[in-house]
C-alpha cells in the first residue's frame, strides 16, 4: 500500500460501523484507466476487482450492478432478469447524484440514495474482492460474503466476456 494517508469516506465509515474487516489499497488514479489499471497497480487479478455501476431501468429507477472488472454487463439480460423493459447505464452526472460519489470512485456502500443492488453470482466464488472505497484511486479488499450480507443483492448471471 502507498504511504499516502488512507481516506475516510462514507463507505469506510459504514464498514467500520458494521464491524467489517477490510483492507485499504491506494493507487494512482488514471482517467479511463478502469479496473485493468487498478488491478495492474495493485498486482491483483482484474477478475477480483469489482466494478460498481449505476444504471436506470425504464421507469428511471436507479440500481447498482456489481460486476467483475474483466467482464461487461449484458443489459438486455439484466433487464430480463429484473423484469424491466430496458436498463441503461446512467450518465455520469446522474450516477453522481444517485450515489453521492464521483464516477470512478463509486462505492456500493453508504450511497446517497438507497438503491437495489444486483451482483454477478460468480463474485461469491472468489475468496477476496476489491471494491471502490468511495474515492478515486482507493479500493478496499473484503470477503464477498460480507458484501452479500450487508447489501442483500439480487444475484444475477449477466456477465459477458470480451
C-alpha atoms as a PDB file:
ATOM      1  CA  UNK A   1       0.000   0.000   0.000  1.00  0.00           C
ATOM      2  CA  UNK A   2       1.151   3.524  -0.704  1.00  0.00           C
ATOM      3  CA  UNK A   3       2.393   5.690   2.163  1.00  0.00           C
ATOM      4  CA  UNK A   4      -0.374   8.198   1.433  1.00  0.00           C
ATOM      5  CA  UNK A   5      -2.977   8.716   4.124  1.00  0.00           C
ATOM      6  CA  UNK A   6      -5.912   6.343   3.733  1.00  0.00           C
ATOM      7  CA  UNK A   7      -9.064   8.363   3.022  1.00  0.00           C
ATOM      8  CA  UNK A   8     -12.046   8.282   5.320  1.00  0.00           C
ATOM      9  CA  UNK A   9     -15.189   8.033   3.205  1.00  0.00           C
ATOM     10  CA  UNK A  10     -18.874   7.357   3.792  1.00  0.00           C
ATOM     11  CA  UNK A  11     -18.178   3.769   2.677  1.00  0.00           C
ATOM     12  CA  UNK A  12     -15.330   3.176   5.145  1.00  0.00           C
ATOM     13  CA  UNK A  13     -17.310   4.773   7.983  1.00  0.00           C
ATOM     14  CA  UNK A  14     -20.225   2.468   7.150  1.00  0.00           C
ATOM     15  CA  UNK A  15     -17.983  -0.627   7.104  1.00  0.00           C
ATOM     16  CA  UNK A  16     -16.333   0.345  10.404  1.00  0.00           C
ATOM     17  CA  UNK A  17     -19.804   0.851  11.901  1.00  0.00           C
ATOM     18  CA  UNK A  18     -20.774  -2.663  10.800  1.00  0.00           C
ATOM     19  CA  UNK A  19     -17.524  -4.134  12.229  1.00  0.00           C
ATOM     20  CA  UNK A  20     -16.491  -5.436   8.802  1.00  0.00           C
ATOM     21  CA  UNK A  21     -12.825  -6.302   8.279  1.00  0.00           C
ATOM     22  CA  UNK A  22     -11.386  -4.770   5.122  1.00  0.00           C
ATOM     23  CA  UNK A  23      -8.022  -3.756   3.729  1.00  0.00           C
ATOM     24  CA  UNK A  24      -7.246  -0.395   2.107  1.00  0.00           C
ATOM     25  CA  UNK A  25      -5.403  -0.068  -1.205  1.00  0.00           C
ATOM     26  CA  UNK A  26      -4.388   3.235  -2.775  1.00  0.00           C
ATOM     27  CA  UNK A  27      -3.210   3.532  -6.379  1.00  0.00           C
ATOM     28  CA  UNK A  28      -2.599   6.431  -8.771  1.00  0.00           C
ATOM     29  CA  UNK A  29      -5.992   7.091 -10.362  1.00  0.00           C
ATOM     30  CA  UNK A  30      -5.995   7.323 -14.142  1.00  0.00           C
ATOM     31  CA  UNK A  31      -8.952   8.782 -16.067  1.00  0.00           C
ATOM     32  CA  UNK A  32     -10.496   5.963 -18.153  1.00  0.00           C
ATOM     33  CA  UNK A  33      -7.950   3.502 -16.691  1.00  0.00           C
ATOM     34  CA  UNK A  34     -10.709   1.309 -15.311  1.00  0.00           C
ATOM     35  CA  UNK A  35     -10.234  -1.937 -13.479  1.00  0.00           C
ATOM     36  CA  UNK A  36      -7.328  -3.012 -15.708  1.00  0.00           C
ATOM     37  CA  UNK A  37      -5.288  -0.068 -14.410  1.00  0.00           C
ATOM     38  CA  UNK A  38      -6.205  -0.548 -10.743  1.00  0.00           C
ATOM     39  CA  UNK A  39      -5.587  -4.316 -10.916  1.00  0.00           C
ATOM     40  CA  UNK A  40      -2.189  -3.733 -12.525  1.00  0.00           C
ATOM     41  CA  UNK A  41      -1.220  -1.126  -9.914  1.00  0.00           C
ATOM     42  CA  UNK A  42      -2.223  -3.422  -7.039  1.00  0.00           C
ATOM     43  CA  UNK A  43      -0.841  -6.590  -8.609  1.00  0.00           C
ATOM     44  CA  UNK A  44      -4.156  -8.458  -8.410  1.00  0.00           C
ATOM     45  CA  UNK A  45      -6.287 -10.335 -10.933  1.00  0.00           C
ATOM     46  CA  UNK A  46      -8.699  -7.965 -12.706  1.00  0.00           C
ATOM     47  CA  UNK A  47     -11.436 -10.596 -12.267  1.00  0.00           C
ATOM     48  CA  UNK A  48     -11.308  -9.878  -8.495  1.00  0.00           C
ATOM     49  CA  UNK A  49     -11.650  -6.102  -8.947  1.00  0.00           C
ATOM     50  CA  UNK A  50     -15.388  -5.451  -8.899  1.00  0.00           C
ATOM     51  CA  UNK A  51     -16.954  -2.539 -10.769  1.00  0.00           C
ATOM     52  CA  UNK A  52     -19.791  -0.592  -9.137  1.00  0.00           C
ATOM     53  CA  UNK A  53     -22.079   0.519 -11.967  1.00  0.00           C
ATOM     54  CA  UNK A  54     -25.078   2.816 -11.572  1.00  0.00           C
ATOM     55  CA  UNK A  55     -27.883   2.125 -14.046  1.00  0.00           C
ATOM     56  CA  UNK A  56     -31.536   3.053 -14.513  1.00  0.00           C
ATOM     57  CA  UNK A  57     -34.493   0.990 -15.622  1.00  0.00           C
ATOM     58  CA  UNK A  58     -37.276   2.074 -17.988  1.00  0.00           C
ATOM     59  CA  UNK A  59     -39.100   3.728 -15.046  1.00  0.00           C
ATOM     60  CA  UNK A  60     -35.955   5.836 -14.360  1.00  0.00           C
ATOM     61  CA  UNK A  61     -35.381   3.925 -11.104  1.00  0.00           C
ATOM     62  CA  UNK A  62     -31.655   3.629 -10.312  1.00  0.00           C
ATOM     63  CA  UNK A  63     -29.907   0.412  -9.391  1.00  0.00           C
ATOM     64  CA  UNK A  64     -26.375  -0.706  -8.610  1.00  0.00           C
ATOM     65  CA  UNK A  65     -24.731  -3.512 -10.560  1.00  0.00           C
ATOM     66  CA  UNK A  66     -21.604  -5.222  -9.216  1.00  0.00           C
ATOM     67  CA  UNK A  67     -19.588  -6.886 -11.980  1.00  0.00           C
ATOM     68  CA  UNK A  68     -16.149  -8.457 -12.406  1.00  0.00           C
ATOM     69  CA  UNK A  69     -13.642  -5.960 -13.767  1.00  0.00           C
ATOM     70  CA  UNK A  70     -12.830  -8.131 -16.770  1.00  0.00           C
ATOM     71  CA  UNK A  71     -16.481  -8.617 -17.774  1.00  0.00           C
ATOM     72  CA  UNK A  72     -19.226  -6.454 -19.239  1.00  0.00           C
ATOM     73  CA  UNK A  73     -22.911  -6.421 -18.290  1.00  0.00           C
ATOM     74  CA  UNK A  74     -25.492  -7.747 -20.728  1.00  0.00           C
ATOM     75  CA  UNK A  75     -28.032  -5.015 -20.120  1.00  0.00           C
ATOM     76  CA  UNK A  76     -30.635  -6.888 -22.163  1.00  0.00           C
ATOM     77  CA  UNK A  77     -30.254  -9.963 -19.920  1.00  0.00           C
ATOM     78  CA  UNK A  78     -30.171  -7.769 -16.804  1.00  0.00           C
ATOM     79  CA  UNK A  79     -33.457  -6.133 -17.843  1.00  0.00           C
ATOM     80  CA  UNK A  80     -34.986  -9.571 -18.457  1.00  0.00           C
ATOM     81  CA  UNK A  81     -33.862 -10.871 -15.055  1.00  0.00           C
ATOM     82  CA  UNK A  82     -35.114  -7.690 -13.336  1.00  0.00           C
ATOM     83  CA  UNK A  83     -38.471  -7.751 -15.138  1.00  0.00           C
ATOM     84  CA  UNK A  84     -37.820  -4.365 -16.771  1.00  0.00           C
ATOM     85  CA  UNK A  85     -38.364  -3.402 -20.403  1.00  0.00           C
ATOM     86  CA  UNK A  86     -34.908  -1.847 -20.538  1.00  0.00           C
ATOM     87  CA  UNK A  87     -31.942  -0.834 -18.415  1.00  0.00           C
ATOM     88  CA  UNK A  88     -29.322   1.719 -19.377  1.00  0.00           C
ATOM     89  CA  UNK A  89     -26.115   2.953 -17.773  1.00  0.00           C
ATOM     90  CA  UNK A  90     -26.596   6.326 -16.094  1.00  0.00           C
ATOM     91  CA  UNK A  91     -24.971   9.445 -17.416  1.00  0.00           C
ATOM     92  CA  UNK A  92     -22.017  10.198 -15.084  1.00  0.00           C
ATOM     93  CA  UNK A  93     -23.671  13.328 -13.648  1.00  0.00           C
ATOM     94  CA  UNK A  94     -26.867  11.376 -12.890  1.00  0.00           C
ATOM     95  CA  UNK A  95     -24.848   8.498 -11.388  1.00  0.00           C
ATOM     96  CA  UNK A  96     -23.026  11.009  -9.150  1.00  0.00           C
ATOM     97  CA  UNK A  97     -26.365  12.395  -7.907  1.00  0.00           C
ATOM     98  CA  UNK A  98     -27.790   8.935  -7.185  1.00  0.00           C
ATOM     99  CA  UNK A  99     -24.711   7.582  -5.409  1.00  0.00           C
ATOM    100  CA  UNK A 100     -23.140  10.655  -3.841  1.00  0.00           C
ATOM    101  CA  UNK A 101     -19.779   9.518  -5.228  1.00  0.00           C
ATOM    102  CA  UNK A 102     -17.854  10.640  -8.305  1.00  0.00           C
ATOM    103  CA  UNK A 103     -17.827   8.137 -11.181  1.00  0.00           C
ATOM    104  CA  UNK A 104     -14.512   6.324 -10.911  1.00  0.00           C
ATOM    105  CA  UNK A 105     -14.853   6.390  -7.133  1.00  0.00           C
ATOM    106  CA  UNK A 106     -18.335   4.899  -6.671  1.00  0.00           C
ATOM    107  CA  UNK A 107     -18.736   2.535  -3.747  1.00  0.00           C
ATOM    108  CA  UNK A 108     -21.830   0.374  -3.301  1.00  0.00           C
ATOM    109  CA  UNK A 109     -21.791   1.192   0.431  1.00  0.00           C
ATOM    110  CA  UNK A 110     -23.414   4.247   2.026  1.00  0.00           C
ATOM    111  CA  UNK A 111     -24.829   5.684  -1.179  1.00  0.00           C
ATOM    112  CA  UNK A 112     -26.765   8.947  -1.030  1.00  0.00           C
ATOM    113  CA  UNK A 113     -29.912   7.250  -2.321  1.00  0.00           C
ATOM    114  CA  UNK A 114     -30.872   3.701  -1.318  1.00  0.00           C
ATOM    115  CA  UNK A 115     -30.843   1.580  -4.463  1.00  0.00           C
ATOM    116  CA  UNK A 116     -31.417  -2.095  -5.186  1.00  0.00           C
ATOM    117  CA  UNK A 117     -28.183  -3.981  -5.857  1.00  0.00           C
ATOM    118  CA  UNK A 118     -27.607  -6.693  -8.441  1.00  0.00           C
ATOM    119  CA  UNK A 119     -24.433  -8.722  -8.109  1.00  0.00           C
ATOM    120  CA  UNK A 120     -22.991 -11.163 -10.637  1.00  0.00           C
ATOM    121  CA  UNK A 121     -23.431 -14.515  -8.858  1.00  0.00           C
ATOM    122  CA  UNK A 122     -19.908 -15.755  -9.647  1.00  0.00           C
ATOM    123  CA  UNK A 123     -18.432 -12.982  -7.461  1.00  0.00           C
ATOM    124  CA  UNK A 124     -19.402 -15.078  -4.427  1.00  0.00           C
ATOM    125  CA  UNK A 125     -16.980 -17.819  -5.511  1.00  0.00           C
ATOM    126  CA  UNK A 126     -13.975 -15.518  -5.043  1.00  0.00           C
ATOM    127  CA  UNK A 127     -12.077 -15.607  -1.733  1.00  0.00           C
ATOM    128  CA  UNK A 128     -11.412 -11.844  -1.719  1.00  0.00           C
ATOM    129  CA  UNK A 129     -12.702  -8.966  -3.839  1.00  0.00           C
ATOM    130  CA  UNK A 130     -11.656  -5.364  -4.330  1.00  0.00           C
ATOM    131  CA  UNK A 131     -14.385  -2.722  -4.465  1.00  0.00           C
ATOM    132  CA  UNK A 132     -14.154   1.020  -4.699  1.00  0.00           C
ATOM    133  CA  UNK A 133     -13.798   2.592  -1.285  1.00  0.00           C
ATOM    134  CA  UNK A 134     -15.622   5.816  -2.157  1.00  0.00           C
ATOM    135  CA  UNK A 135     -12.798   7.824  -3.709  1.00  0.00           C
ATOM    136  CA  UNK A 136     -10.926   7.689  -6.998  1.00  0.00           C
ATOM    137  CA  UNK A 137      -7.694   5.734  -6.571  1.00  0.00           C
ATOM    138  CA  UNK A 138      -8.906   3.877  -3.477  1.00  0.00           C
ATOM    139  CA  UNK A 139     -10.032   0.243  -3.346  1.00  0.00           C
ATOM    140  CA  UNK A 140     -10.985  -1.849  -0.346  1.00  0.00           C
ATOM    141  CA  UNK A 141     -10.458  -5.588  -0.097  1.00  0.00           C
ATOM    142  CA  UNK A 142     -13.099  -7.674   1.636  1.00  0.00           C
ATOM    143  CA  UNK A 143     -14.874 -11.010   1.611  1.00  0.00           C
ATOM    144  CA  UNK A 144     -17.736 -11.344  -0.891  1.00  0.00           C
ATOM    145  CA  UNK A 145     -19.862 -12.927   1.853  1.00  0.00           C
ATOM    146  CA  UNK A 146     -19.671  -9.635   3.781  1.00  0.00           C
ATOM    147  CA  UNK A 147     -20.818  -7.736   0.691  1.00  0.00           C
ATOM    148  CA  UNK A 148     -23.728 -10.131   0.297  1.00  0.00           C
ATOM    149  CA  UNK A 149     -24.720  -9.834   3.961  1.00  0.00           C
ATOM    150  CA  UNK A 150     -24.558  -6.022   4.007  1.00  0.00           C
ATOM    151  CA  UNK A 151     -26.103  -5.193   0.623  1.00  0.00           C
ATOM    152  CA  UNK A 152     -28.555  -8.112   0.251  1.00  0.00           C
ATOM    153  CA  UNK A 153     -28.061  -8.065  -3.534  1.00  0.00           C
ATOM    154  CA  UNK A 154     -30.132  -9.893  -6.104  1.00  0.00           C
ATOM    155  CA  UNK A 155     -27.786 -12.437  -7.655  1.00  0.00           C
ATOM    156  CA  UNK A 156     -27.780 -12.290 -11.443  1.00  0.00           C
ATOM    157  CA  UNK A 157     -25.958 -14.018 -14.287  1.00  0.00           C
ATOM    158  CA  UNK A 158     -25.402 -11.241 -16.810  1.00  0.00           C
ATOM    159  CA  UNK A 159     -21.627 -11.276 -17.421  1.00  0.00           C
ATOM    160  CA  UNK A 160     -20.261 -11.009 -20.939  1.00  0.00           C
ATOM    161  CA  UNK A 161     -16.667 -11.971 -21.643  1.00  0.00           C
ATOM    162  CA  UNK A 162     -14.880  -9.734 -24.139  1.00  0.00           C
END
